[in-house]
PDB file of N, CA and C in Angstrom:
ATOM      1  N   UNK A   1     108.379   2.047 133.749  1.00  0.00           N
ATOM      2  CA  UNK A   1     107.700   2.916 132.807  1.00  0.00           C
ATOM      3  C   UNK A   1     106.658   3.741 133.544  1.00  0.00           C
ATOM      4  N   UNK A   2     106.502   4.968 133.090  1.00  0.00           N
ATOM      5  CA  UNK A   2     105.537   5.882 133.685  1.00  0.00           C
ATOM      6  C   UNK A   2     104.567   6.316 132.595  1.00  0.00           C
ATOM      7  N   UNK A   3     103.290   6.402 132.948  1.00  0.00           N
ATOM      8  CA  UNK A   3     102.253   6.702 131.968  1.00  0.00           C
ATOM      9  C   UNK A   3     101.401   7.883 132.402  1.00  0.00           C
ATOM     10  N   UNK A   4     100.902   8.607 131.397  1.00  0.00           N
ATOM     11  CA  UNK A   4      99.944   9.688 131.584  1.00  0.00           C
ATOM     12  C   UNK A   4      98.768   9.417 130.656  1.00  0.00           C
ATOM     13  N   UNK A   5      97.593   9.194 131.232  1.00  0.00           N
ATOM     14  CA  UNK A   5      96.408   8.892 130.441  1.00  0.00           C
ATOM     15  C   UNK A   5      95.637  10.156 130.120  1.00  0.00           C
ATOM     16  N   UNK A   6      95.352  10.322 128.845  1.00  0.00           N
ATOM     17  CA  UNK A   6      94.553  11.431 128.335  1.00  0.00           C
ATOM     18  C   UNK A   6      93.068  11.160 128.635  1.00  0.00           C
ATOM     19  N   UNK A   7      92.230  12.140 128.379  1.00  0.00           N
ATOM     20  CA  UNK A   7      90.825  12.052 128.748  1.00  0.00           C
ATOM     21  C   UNK A   7      90.062  10.933 128.037  1.00  0.00           C
ATOM     22  N   UNK A   8      90.477  10.501 126.871  1.00  0.00           N
ATOM     23  CA  UNK A   8      89.778   9.434 126.153  1.00  0.00           C
ATOM     24  C   UNK A   8      90.085   8.046 126.686  1.00  0.00           C
ATOM     25  N   UNK A   9      90.972   7.971 127.646  1.00  0.00           N
ATOM     26  CA  UNK A   9      91.390   6.694 128.215  1.00  0.00           C
ATOM     27  C   UNK A   9      90.625   6.444 129.513  1.00  0.00           C
ATOM     28  N   UNK A  10      90.103   5.258 129.647  1.00  0.00           N
ATOM     29  CA  UNK A  10      89.353   4.903 130.853  1.00  0.00           C
ATOM     30  C   UNK A  10      90.255   4.919 132.085  1.00  0.00           C
ATOM     31  N   UNK A  11      89.778   5.494 133.170  1.00  0.00           N
ATOM     32  CA  UNK A  11      90.532   5.418 134.427  1.00  0.00           C
ATOM     33  C   UNK A  11      90.777   3.968 134.869  1.00  0.00           C
ATOM     34  N   UNK A  12      89.970   3.039 134.382  1.00  0.00           N
ATOM     35  CA  UNK A  12      90.172   1.617 134.705  1.00  0.00           C
ATOM     36  C   UNK A  12      91.504   1.111 134.138  1.00  0.00           C
ATOM     37  N   UNK A  13      91.933   1.673 133.014  1.00  0.00           N
ATOM     38  CA  UNK A  13      93.224   1.278 132.445  1.00  0.00           C
ATOM     39  C   UNK A  13      94.345   1.754 133.357  1.00  0.00           C
ATOM     40  N   UNK A  14      94.215   2.953 133.887  1.00  0.00           N
ATOM     41  CA  UNK A  14      95.207   3.478 134.831  1.00  0.00           C
ATOM     42  C   UNK A  14      95.240   2.595 136.080  1.00  0.00           C
ATOM     43  N   UNK A  15      94.085   2.197 136.569  1.00  0.00           N
ATOM     44  CA  UNK A  15      94.032   1.295 137.732  1.00  0.00           C
ATOM     45  C   UNK A  15      94.713  -0.026 137.419  1.00  0.00           C
ATOM     46  N   UNK A  16      94.477  -0.576 136.217  1.00  0.00           N
ATOM     47  CA  UNK A  16      95.108  -1.830 135.808  1.00  0.00           C
ATOM     48  C   UNK A  16      96.628  -1.681 135.769  1.00  0.00           C
ATOM     49  N   UNK A  17      97.104  -0.561 135.202  1.00  0.00           N
ATOM     50  CA  UNK A  17      98.546  -0.319 135.149  1.00  0.00           C
ATOM     51  C   UNK A  17      99.128  -0.257 136.560  1.00  0.00           C
ATOM     52  N   UNK A  18      98.479   0.483 137.442  1.00  0.00           N
ATOM     53  CA  UNK A  18      98.959   0.608 138.825  1.00  0.00           C
ATOM     54  C   UNK A  18      98.993  -0.756 139.510  1.00  0.00           C
ATOM     55  N   UNK A  19      97.962  -1.574 139.284  1.00  0.00           N
ATOM     56  CA  UNK A  19      97.914  -2.890 139.929  1.00  0.00           C
ATOM     57  C   UNK A  19      99.004  -3.818 139.398  1.00  0.00           C
ATOM     58  N   UNK A  20      99.565  -3.474 138.248  1.00  0.00           N
ATOM     59  CA  UNK A  20     100.657  -4.254 137.664  1.00  0.00           C
ATOM     60  C   UNK A  20     102.017  -3.599 137.898  1.00  0.00           C
ATOM     61  N   UNK A  21     102.060  -2.645 138.827  1.00  0.00           N
ATOM     62  CA  UNK A  21     103.327  -2.074 139.257  1.00  0.00           C
ATOM     63  C   UNK A  21     103.830  -0.875 138.472  1.00  0.00           C
ATOM     64  N   UNK A  22     103.013  -0.347 137.580  1.00  0.00           N
ATOM     65  CA  UNK A  22     103.437   0.807 136.784  1.00  0.00           C
ATOM     66  C   UNK A  22     103.040   2.108 137.474  1.00  0.00           C
ATOM     67  N   UNK A  23     103.804   3.131 137.230  1.00  0.00           N
ATOM     68  CA  UNK A  23     103.504   4.482 137.701  1.00  0.00           C
ATOM     69  C   UNK A  23     102.599   5.107 136.644  1.00  0.00           C
ATOM     70  N   UNK A  24     101.329   5.236 136.955  1.00  0.00           N
ATOM     71  CA  UNK A  24     100.364   5.747 135.982  1.00  0.00           C
ATOM     72  C   UNK A  24      99.442   6.756 136.640  1.00  0.00           C
ATOM     73  N   UNK A  25      99.143   7.819 135.898  1.00  0.00           N
ATOM     74  CA  UNK A  25      98.194   8.825 136.377  1.00  0.00           C
ATOM     75  C   UNK A  25      97.235   9.161 135.238  1.00  0.00           C
ATOM     76  N   UNK A  26      96.077   9.631 135.608  1.00  0.00           N
ATOM     77  CA  UNK A  26      95.071  10.087 134.643  1.00  0.00           C
ATOM     78  C   UNK A  26      94.919  11.589 134.846  1.00  0.00           C
ATOM     79  N   UNK A  27      94.754  12.318 133.765  1.00  0.00           N
ATOM     80  CA  UNK A  27      94.608  13.773 133.875  1.00  0.00           C
ATOM     81  C   UNK A  27      93.512  14.167 134.856  1.00  0.00           C
ATOM     82  N   UNK A  28      92.427  13.410 134.875  1.00  0.00           N
ATOM     83  CA  UNK A  28      91.311  13.753 135.753  1.00  0.00           C
ATOM     84  C   UNK A  28      91.699  13.636 137.233  1.00  0.00           C
ATOM     85  N   UNK A  29      92.632  12.747 137.574  1.00  0.00           N
ATOM     86  CA  UNK A  29      93.084  12.601 138.960  1.00  0.00           C
ATOM     87  C   UNK A  29      93.731  13.875 139.480  1.00  0.00           C
ATOM     88  N   UNK A  30      94.302  14.642 138.558  1.00  0.00           N
ATOM     89  CA  UNK A  30      95.002  15.857 138.960  1.00  0.00           C
ATOM     90  C   UNK A  30      94.204  17.118 138.628  1.00  0.00           C
ATOM     91  N   UNK A  31      92.949  16.935 138.240  1.00  0.00           N
ATOM     92  CA  UNK A  31      92.097  18.076 137.909  1.00  0.00           C
ATOM     93  C   UNK A  31      92.528  18.787 136.633  1.00  0.00           C
ATOM     94  N   UNK A  32      93.150  18.053 135.718  1.00  0.00           N
ATOM     95  CA  UNK A  32      93.698  18.642 134.491  1.00  0.00           C
ATOM     96  C   UNK A  32      92.919  18.237 133.245  1.00  0.00           C
ATOM     97  N   UNK A  33      91.625  17.945 133.400  1.00  0.00           N
ATOM     98  CA  UNK A  33      90.847  17.467 132.266  1.00  0.00           C
ATOM     99  C   UNK A  33      90.713  18.481 131.120  1.00  0.00           C
ATOM    100  N   UNK A  34      90.959  19.741 131.375  1.00  0.00           N
ATOM    101  CA  UNK A  34      90.864  20.772 130.333  1.00  0.00           C
ATOM    102  C   UNK A  34      92.237  21.220 129.820  1.00  0.00           C
ATOM    103  N   UNK A  35      93.296  20.540 130.230  1.00  0.00           N
ATOM    104  CA  UNK A  35      94.644  20.917 129.823  1.00  0.00           C
ATOM    105  C   UNK A  35      94.804  20.757 128.314  1.00  0.00           C
ATOM    106  N   UNK A  36      95.269  21.792 127.608  1.00  0.00           N
ATOM    107  CA  UNK A  36      95.455  21.695 126.157  1.00  0.00           C
ATOM    108  C   UNK A  36      96.518  20.648 125.799  1.00  0.00           C
ATOM    109  N   UNK A  37      96.389  20.088 124.602  1.00  0.00           N
ATOM    110  CA  UNK A  37      97.288  19.019 124.163  1.00  0.00           C
ATOM    111  C   UNK A  37      98.758  19.400 124.235  1.00  0.00           C
ATOM    112  N   UNK A  38      99.090  20.625 123.835  1.00  0.00           N
ATOM    113  CA  UNK A  38     100.503  21.017 123.860  1.00  0.00           C
ATOM    114  C   UNK A  38     101.047  21.043 125.290  1.00  0.00           C
ATOM    115  N   UNK A  39     100.208  21.386 126.263  1.00  0.00           N
ATOM    116  CA  UNK A  39     100.638  21.385 127.665  1.00  0.00           C
ATOM    117  C   UNK A  39     100.697  19.962 128.227  1.00  0.00           C
ATOM    118  N   UNK A  40      99.860  19.076 127.706  1.00  0.00           N
ATOM    119  CA  UNK A  40      99.936  17.660 128.098  1.00  0.00           C
ATOM    120  C   UNK A  40     101.271  17.090 127.635  1.00  0.00           C
ATOM    121  N   UNK A  41     101.683  17.444 126.415  1.00  0.00           N
ATOM    122  CA  UNK A  41     102.989  17.001 125.912  1.00  0.00           C
ATOM    123  C   UNK A  41     104.121  17.482 126.817  1.00  0.00           C
ATOM    124  N   UNK A  42     104.070  18.729 127.208  1.00  0.00           N
ATOM    125  CA  UNK A  42     105.109  19.297 128.074  1.00  0.00           C
ATOM    126  C   UNK A  42     105.124  18.575 129.420  1.00  0.00           C
ATOM    127  N   UNK A  43     103.941  18.368 129.989  1.00  0.00           N
ATOM    128  CA  UNK A  43     103.840  17.665 131.275  1.00  0.00           C
ATOM    129  C   UNK A  43     104.437  16.268 131.164  1.00  0.00           C
ATOM    130  N   UNK A  44     104.055  15.542 130.131  1.00  0.00           N
ATOM    131  CA  UNK A  44     104.563  14.173 129.952  1.00  0.00           C
ATOM    132  C   UNK A  44     106.075  14.174 129.754  1.00  0.00           C
ATOM    133  N   UNK A  45     106.568  15.108 128.973  1.00  0.00           N
ATOM    134  CA  UNK A  45     108.022  15.195 128.728  1.00  0.00           C
ATOM    135  C   UNK A  45     108.755  15.501 130.031  1.00  0.00           C
ATOM    136  N   UNK A  46     108.268  16.481 130.782  1.00  0.00           N
ATOM    137  CA  UNK A  46     108.921  16.867 132.044  1.00  0.00           C
ATOM    138  C   UNK A  46     108.902  15.744 133.074  1.00  0.00           C
ATOM    139  N   UNK A  47     107.831  14.943 133.085  1.00  0.00           N
ATOM    140  CA  UNK A  47     107.697  13.861 134.057  1.00  0.00           C
ATOM    141  C   UNK A  47     108.175  12.521 133.502  1.00  0.00           C
ATOM    142  N   UNK A  48     108.684  12.540 132.271  1.00  0.00           N
ATOM    143  CA  UNK A  48     109.170  11.334 131.587  1.00  0.00           C
ATOM    144  C   UNK A  48     108.100  10.247 131.553  1.00  0.00           C
ATOM    145  N   UNK A  49     106.903  10.629 131.112  1.00  0.00           N
ATOM    146  CA  UNK A  49     105.765   9.722 131.022  1.00  0.00           C
ATOM    147  C   UNK A  49     105.415   9.443 129.562  1.00  0.00           C
ATOM    148  N   UNK A  50     104.873   8.282 129.325  1.00  0.00           N
ATOM    149  CA  UNK A  50     104.346   7.888 128.022  1.00  0.00           C
ATOM    150  C   UNK A  50     102.871   8.267 128.007  1.00  0.00           C
ATOM    151  N   UNK A  51     102.443   8.961 126.972  1.00  0.00           N
ATOM    152  CA  UNK A  51     101.048   9.378 126.874  1.00  0.00           C
ATOM    153  C   UNK A  51     100.215   8.233 126.299  1.00  0.00           C
ATOM    154  N   UNK A  52      99.091   7.945 126.945  1.00  0.00           N
ATOM    155  CA  UNK A  52      98.101   7.003 126.436  1.00  0.00           C
ATOM    156  C   UNK A  52      96.924   7.830 125.944  1.00  0.00           C
ATOM    157  N   UNK A  53      96.526   7.643 124.681  1.00  0.00           N
ATOM    158  CA  UNK A  53      95.504   8.508 124.107  1.00  0.00           C
ATOM    159  C   UNK A  53      94.763   7.842 122.960  1.00  0.00           C
ATOM    160  N   UNK A  54      93.627   8.422 122.607  1.00  0.00           N
ATOM    161  CA  UNK A  54      92.909   8.073 121.383  1.00  0.00           C
ATOM    162  C   UNK A  54      92.935   9.275 120.428  1.00  0.00           C
ATOM    163  N   UNK A  55      93.642  10.314 120.804  1.00  0.00           N
ATOM    164  CA  UNK A  55      93.673  11.602 120.115  1.00  0.00           C
ATOM    165  C   UNK A  55      94.840  11.665 119.129  1.00  0.00           C
ATOM    166  N   UNK A  56      94.529  11.843 117.860  1.00  0.00           N
ATOM    167  CA  UNK A  56      95.559  11.923 116.817  1.00  0.00           C
ATOM    168  C   UNK A  56      96.402  13.195 116.910  1.00  0.00           C
ATOM    169  N   UNK A  57      95.947  14.189 117.635  1.00  0.00           N
ATOM    170  CA  UNK A  57      96.654  15.476 117.695  1.00  0.00           C
ATOM    171  C   UNK A  57      98.065  15.365 118.273  1.00  0.00           C
ATOM    172  N   UNK A  58      98.300  14.423 119.167  1.00  0.00           N
ATOM    173  CA  UNK A  58      99.623  14.318 119.788  1.00  0.00           C
ATOM    174  C   UNK A  58     100.697  13.970 118.767  1.00  0.00           C
ATOM    175  N   UNK A  59     100.405  13.033 117.892  1.00  0.00           N
ATOM    176  CA  UNK A  59     101.381  12.671 116.854  1.00  0.00           C
ATOM    177  C   UNK A  59     101.654  13.861 115.944  1.00  0.00           C
ATOM    178  N   UNK A  60     100.619  14.595 115.606  1.00  0.00           N
ATOM    179  CA  UNK A  60     100.776  15.766 114.755  1.00  0.00           C
ATOM    180  C   UNK A  60     101.614  16.842 115.452  1.00  0.00           C
ATOM    181  N   UNK A  61     101.352  17.093 116.720  1.00  0.00           N
ATOM    182  CA  UNK A  61     102.125  18.100 117.457  1.00  0.00           C
ATOM    183  C   UNK A  61     103.596  17.703 117.565  1.00  0.00           C
ATOM    184  N   UNK A  62     103.854  16.427 117.791  1.00  0.00           N
ATOM    185  CA  UNK A  62     105.243  15.963 117.853  1.00  0.00           C
ATOM    186  C   UNK A  62     105.923  16.135 116.497  1.00  0.00           C
ATOM    187  N   UNK A  63     105.226  15.820 115.420  1.00  0.00           N
ATOM    188  CA  UNK A  63     105.804  15.947 114.084  1.00  0.00           C
ATOM    189  C   UNK A  63     106.072  17.407 113.731  1.00  0.00           C
ATOM    190  N   UNK A  64     105.125  18.265 114.009  1.00  0.00           N
ATOM    191  CA  UNK A  64     105.291  19.693 113.713  1.00  0.00           C
ATOM    192  C   UNK A  64     106.472  20.269 114.488  1.00  0.00           C
ATOM    193  N   UNK A  65     106.583  19.885 115.751  1.00  0.00           N
ATOM    194  CA  UNK A  65     107.675  20.386 116.587  1.00  0.00           C
ATOM    195  C   UNK A  65     108.977  19.631 116.398  1.00  0.00           C
ATOM    196  N   UNK A  66     108.965  18.631 115.513  1.00  0.00           N
ATOM    197  CA  UNK A  66     110.128  17.779 115.267  1.00  0.00           C
ATOM    198  C   UNK A  66     110.683  17.221 116.574  1.00  0.00           C
ATOM    199  N   UNK A  67     109.758  16.779 117.416  1.00  0.00           N
ATOM    200  CA  UNK A  67     110.092  16.222 118.726  1.00  0.00           C
ATOM    201  C   UNK A  67     110.032  14.702 118.676  1.00  0.00           C
ATOM    202  N   UNK A  68     110.813  14.044 119.503  1.00  0.00           N
ATOM    203  CA  UNK A  68     110.794  12.600 119.605  1.00  0.00           C
ATOM    204  C   UNK A  68     110.197  12.135 120.925  1.00  0.00           C
ATOM    205  N   UNK A  69     110.120  13.027 121.878  1.00  0.00           N
ATOM    206  CA  UNK A  69     109.574  12.692 123.191  1.00  0.00           C
ATOM    207  C   UNK A  69     108.495  13.687 123.562  1.00  0.00           C
ATOM    208  N   UNK A  70     107.507  13.272 124.287  1.00  0.00           N
ATOM    209  CA  UNK A  70     107.341  11.978 124.927  1.00  0.00           C
ATOM    210  C   UNK A  70     106.840  10.931 123.939  1.00  0.00           C
ATOM    211  N   UNK A  71     106.972   9.681 124.336  1.00  0.00           N
ATOM    212  CA  UNK A  71     106.395   8.599 123.548  1.00  0.00           C
ATOM    213  C   UNK A  71     104.881   8.653 123.703  1.00  0.00           C
ATOM    214  N   UNK A  72     104.190   8.159 122.682  1.00  0.00           N
ATOM    215  CA  UNK A  72     102.727   8.169 122.682  1.00  0.00           C
ATOM    216  C   UNK A  72     102.232   6.787 122.256  1.00  0.00           C
ATOM    217  N   UNK A  73     101.301   6.233 123.027  1.00  0.00           N
ATOM    218  CA  UNK A  73     100.586   5.034 122.618  1.00  0.00           C
ATOM    219  C   UNK A  73      99.211   5.509 122.172  1.00  0.00           C
ATOM    220  N   UNK A  74      98.962   5.375 120.883  1.00  0.00           N
ATOM    221  CA  UNK A  74      97.717   5.847 120.278  1.00  0.00           C
ATOM    222  C   UNK A  74      96.809   4.650 120.030  1.00  0.00           C
ATOM    223  N   UNK A  75      95.666   4.639 120.669  1.00  0.00           N
ATOM    224  CA  UNK A  75      94.696   3.561 120.509  1.00  0.00           C
ATOM    225  C   UNK A  75      93.749   3.903 119.365  1.00  0.00           C
ATOM    226  N   UNK A  76      93.825   3.152 118.281  1.00  0.00           N
ATOM    227  CA  UNK A  76      92.912   3.301 117.146  1.00  0.00           C
ATOM    228  C   UNK A  76      92.463   1.896 116.774  1.00  0.00           C
ATOM    229  N   UNK A  77      91.636   1.315 117.599  1.00  0.00           N
ATOM    230  CA  UNK A  77      91.313  -0.099 117.492  1.00  0.00           C
ATOM    231  C   UNK A  77      89.951  -0.366 116.874  1.00  0.00           C
ATOM    232  N   UNK A  78      89.145   0.642 116.698  1.00  0.00           N
ATOM    233  CA  UNK A  78      87.789   0.417 116.220  1.00  0.00           C
ATOM    234  C   UNK A  78      86.865   0.077 117.385  1.00  0.00           C
ATOM    235  N   UNK A  79      87.264  -0.882 118.189  1.00  0.00           N
ATOM    236  CA  UNK A  79      86.529  -1.248 119.399  1.00  0.00           C
ATOM    237  C   UNK A  79      87.392  -0.809 120.571  1.00  0.00           C
ATOM    238  N   UNK A  80      87.071   0.327 121.148  1.00  0.00           N
ATOM    239  CA  UNK A  80      87.913   0.887 122.195  1.00  0.00           C
ATOM    240  C   UNK A  80      87.289   0.707 123.574  1.00  0.00           C
ATOM    241  N   UNK A  81      86.792  -0.494 123.829  1.00  0.00           N
ATOM    242  CA  UNK A  81      86.291  -0.805 125.159  1.00  0.00           C
ATOM    243  C   UNK A  81      87.484  -1.007 126.089  1.00  0.00           C
ATOM    244  N   UNK A  82      87.213  -0.931 127.359  1.00  0.00           N
ATOM    245  CA  UNK A  82      88.259  -1.116 128.366  1.00  0.00           C
ATOM    246  C   UNK A  82      88.975  -2.449 128.166  1.00  0.00           C
ATOM    247  N   UNK A  83      88.218  -3.496 127.952  1.00  0.00           N
ATOM    248  CA  UNK A  83      88.805  -4.832 127.831  1.00  0.00           C
ATOM    249  C   UNK A  83      89.727  -4.935 126.618  1.00  0.00           C
ATOM    250  N   UNK A  84      89.287  -4.424 125.486  1.00  0.00           N
ATOM    251  CA  UNK A  84      90.091  -4.483 124.257  1.00  0.00           C
ATOM    252  C   UNK A  84      91.343  -3.620 124.401  1.00  0.00           C
ATOM    253  N   UNK A  85      91.185  -2.430 124.960  1.00  0.00           N
ATOM    254  CA  UNK A  85      92.330  -1.541 125.134  1.00  0.00           C
ATOM    255  C   UNK A  85      93.338  -2.143 126.112  1.00  0.00           C
ATOM    256  N   UNK A  86      92.855  -2.771 127.181  1.00  0.00           N
ATOM    257  CA  UNK A  86      93.756  -3.411 128.144  1.00  0.00           C
ATOM    258  C   UNK A  86      94.533  -4.549 127.499  1.00  0.00           C
ATOM    259  N   UNK A  87      93.860  -5.351 126.693  1.00  0.00           N
ATOM    260  CA  UNK A  87      94.521  -6.462 126.012  1.00  0.00           C
ATOM    261  C   UNK A  87      95.610  -5.935 125.084  1.00  0.00           C
ATOM    262  N   UNK A  88      95.297  -4.895 124.324  1.00  0.00           N
ATOM    263  CA  UNK A  88      96.273  -4.284 123.417  1.00  0.00           C
ATOM    264  C   UNK A  88      97.463  -3.736 124.204  1.00  0.00           C
ATOM    265  N   UNK A  89      97.179  -3.023 125.280  1.00  0.00           N
ATOM    266  CA  UNK A  89      98.248  -2.439 126.082  1.00  0.00           C
ATOM    267  C   UNK A  89      99.128  -3.523 126.697  1.00  0.00           C
ATOM    268  N   UNK A  90      98.530  -4.591 127.172  1.00  0.00           N
ATOM    269  CA  UNK A  90      99.309  -5.697 127.735  1.00  0.00           C
ATOM    270  C   UNK A  90     100.245  -6.283 126.678  1.00  0.00           C
ATOM    271  N   UNK A  91      99.767  -6.428 125.447  1.00  0.00           N
ATOM    272  CA  UNK A  91     100.599  -6.948 124.359  1.00  0.00           C
ATOM    273  C   UNK A  91     101.752  -5.993 124.048  1.00  0.00           C
ATOM    274  N   UNK A  92     101.464  -4.708 124.010  1.00  0.00           N
ATOM    275  CA  UNK A  92     102.505  -3.711 123.743  1.00  0.00           C
ATOM    276  C   UNK A  92     103.558  -3.737 124.854  1.00  0.00           C
ATOM    277  N   UNK A  93     103.125  -3.784 126.094  1.00  0.00           N
ATOM    278  CA  UNK A  93     104.055  -3.793 127.216  1.00  0.00           C
ATOM    279  C   UNK A  93     104.916  -5.053 127.196  1.00  0.00           C
ATOM    280  N   UNK A  94     104.328  -6.185 126.922  1.00  0.00           N
ATOM    281  CA  UNK A  94     105.096  -7.427 126.840  1.00  0.00           C
ATOM    282  C   UNK A  94     106.138  -7.374 125.726  1.00  0.00           C
ATOM    283  N   UNK A  95     105.785  -6.741 124.645  1.00  0.00           N
ATOM    284  CA  UNK A  95     106.663  -6.694 123.479  1.00  0.00           C
ATOM    285  C   UNK A  95     107.797  -5.673 123.619  1.00  0.00           C
ATOM    286  N   UNK A  96     107.486  -4.526 124.225  1.00  0.00           N
ATOM    287  CA  UNK A  96     108.439  -3.415 124.201  1.00  0.00           C
ATOM    288  C   UNK A  96     108.978  -3.011 125.561  1.00  0.00           C
ATOM    289  N   UNK A  97     108.655  -3.731 126.598  1.00  0.00           N
ATOM    290  CA  UNK A  97     109.036  -3.305 127.949  1.00  0.00           C
ATOM    291  C   UNK A  97     110.548  -3.108 128.115  1.00  0.00           C
ATOM    292  N   UNK A  98     111.332  -3.965 127.536  1.00  0.00           N
ATOM    293  CA  UNK A  98     112.782  -3.832 127.706  1.00  0.00           C
ATOM    294  C   UNK A  98     113.286  -2.640 126.927  1.00  0.00           C
TER     295      UNK A  98
END
Protein backbone atom coordinates (compact mmCIF):
# COMPACT_ATOMS: atom_id res chain seq x y z
CA UNK A 1 0.00 0.00 0.00
CA UNK A 2 1.12 3.52 -0.78
CA UNK A 3 0.02 6.59 1.15
CA UNK A 4 -0.07 10.35 0.66
CA UNK A 5 -0.49 12.41 3.83
CA UNK A 6 -2.33 15.71 3.63
CA UNK A 7 -1.26 18.74 5.66
CA UNK A 8 -3.48 17.91 8.67
CA UNK A 9 -1.63 14.64 9.19
CA UNK A 10 1.43 14.56 11.42
CA UNK A 11 4.69 13.73 9.65
CA UNK A 12 5.21 11.29 12.56
CA UNK A 13 2.44 9.13 11.10
CA UNK A 14 4.30 9.02 7.78
CA UNK A 15 7.47 8.03 9.66
CA UNK A 16 5.54 5.28 11.47
CA UNK A 17 4.17 3.97 8.16
CA UNK A 18 7.66 3.96 6.61
CA UNK A 19 9.10 2.14 9.63
CA UNK A 20 6.43 -0.53 9.11
CA UNK A 21 7.39 -1.05 5.47
CA UNK A 22 4.80 1.14 3.75
CA UNK A 23 5.51 3.57 0.93
CA UNK A 24 4.35 6.85 2.46
CA UNK A 25 5.00 10.50 1.68
CA UNK A 26 3.82 13.76 3.19
CA UNK A 27 2.98 16.75 1.01
CA UNK A 28 5.44 18.88 2.96
CA UNK A 29 8.31 16.49 2.04
CA UNK A 30 7.79 17.42 -1.58
CA UNK A 31 7.20 21.13 -1.01
CA UNK A 32 3.52 20.74 -1.94
CA UNK A 33 1.93 22.16 1.21
CA UNK A 34 -0.13 24.65 -0.84
CA UNK A 35 -1.35 22.13 -3.43
CA UNK A 36 -5.14 22.47 -3.93
CA UNK A 37 -7.31 19.50 -2.95
CA UNK A 38 -8.30 18.66 -6.51
CA UNK A 39 -4.61 18.44 -7.50
CA UNK A 40 -3.88 16.28 -4.44
CA UNK A 41 -6.56 13.88 -5.68
CA UNK A 42 -4.95 13.77 -9.12
CA UNK A 43 -1.49 13.21 -7.63
CA UNK A 44 -2.76 10.38 -5.41
CA UNK A 45 -4.66 8.78 -8.29
CA UNK A 46 -1.65 8.98 -10.65
CA UNK A 47 0.70 7.54 -8.00
CA UNK A 48 -1.88 4.98 -6.80
CA UNK A 49 -1.72 6.31 -3.24
CA UNK A 50 -4.31 6.33 -0.46
CA UNK A 51 -4.89 9.82 0.91
CA UNK A 52 -4.65 10.29 4.69
CA UNK A 53 -6.52 13.41 5.77
CA UNK A 54 -8.68 15.22 8.30
CA UNK A 55 -10.24 17.28 5.47
CA UNK A 56 -13.84 16.50 4.50
CA UNK A 57 -13.36 18.12 1.08
CA UNK A 58 -11.81 15.00 -0.46
CA UNK A 59 -14.94 12.90 0.00
CA UNK A 60 -17.03 15.71 -1.45
CA UNK A 61 -14.75 16.12 -4.48
CA UNK A 62 -14.84 12.38 -5.15
CA UNK A 63 -18.64 12.35 -4.89
CA UNK A 64 -19.09 15.37 -7.15
CA UNK A 65 -16.75 13.88 -9.75
CA UNK A 66 -18.38 10.45 -9.34
CA UNK A 67 -14.91 9.04 -8.78
CA UNK A 68 -14.00 5.92 -6.82
CA UNK A 69 -10.26 6.49 -6.65
CA UNK A 70 -8.10 7.39 -4.91
CA UNK A 71 -9.11 5.83 -1.63
CA UNK A 72 -9.25 8.21 1.32
CA UNK A 73 -8.76 7.54 5.03
CA UNK A 74 -10.56 10.37 6.79
CA UNK A 75 -9.66 10.89 10.44
CA UNK A 76 -12.61 12.30 12.40
CA UNK A 77 -11.80 11.02 15.86
CA UNK A 78 -12.42 14.00 18.10
CA UNK A 79 -8.98 13.41 19.62
CA UNK A 80 -6.60 13.64 16.69
CA UNK A 81 -3.31 13.31 18.51
CA UNK A 82 -0.51 11.37 16.86
CA UNK A 83 -0.96 8.44 19.23
CA UNK A 84 -4.73 8.14 18.69
CA UNK A 85 -4.43 8.52 14.92
CA UNK A 86 -1.65 5.90 14.79
CA UNK A 87 -3.74 3.44 16.79
CA UNK A 88 -6.72 3.99 14.48
CA UNK A 89 -4.56 3.61 11.37
CA UNK A 90 -2.99 0.42 12.70
CA UNK A 91 -6.48 -1.03 13.27
CA UNK A 92 -7.60 -0.05 9.76
CA UNK A 93 -4.48 -1.55 8.19
CA UNK A 94 -4.86 -4.80 10.13
CA UNK A 95 -8.49 -5.05 9.10
CA UNK A 96 -8.28 -4.09 5.43
CA UNK A 97 -4.72 -4.81 4.33
CA UNK A 98 -5.63 -7.80 2.19
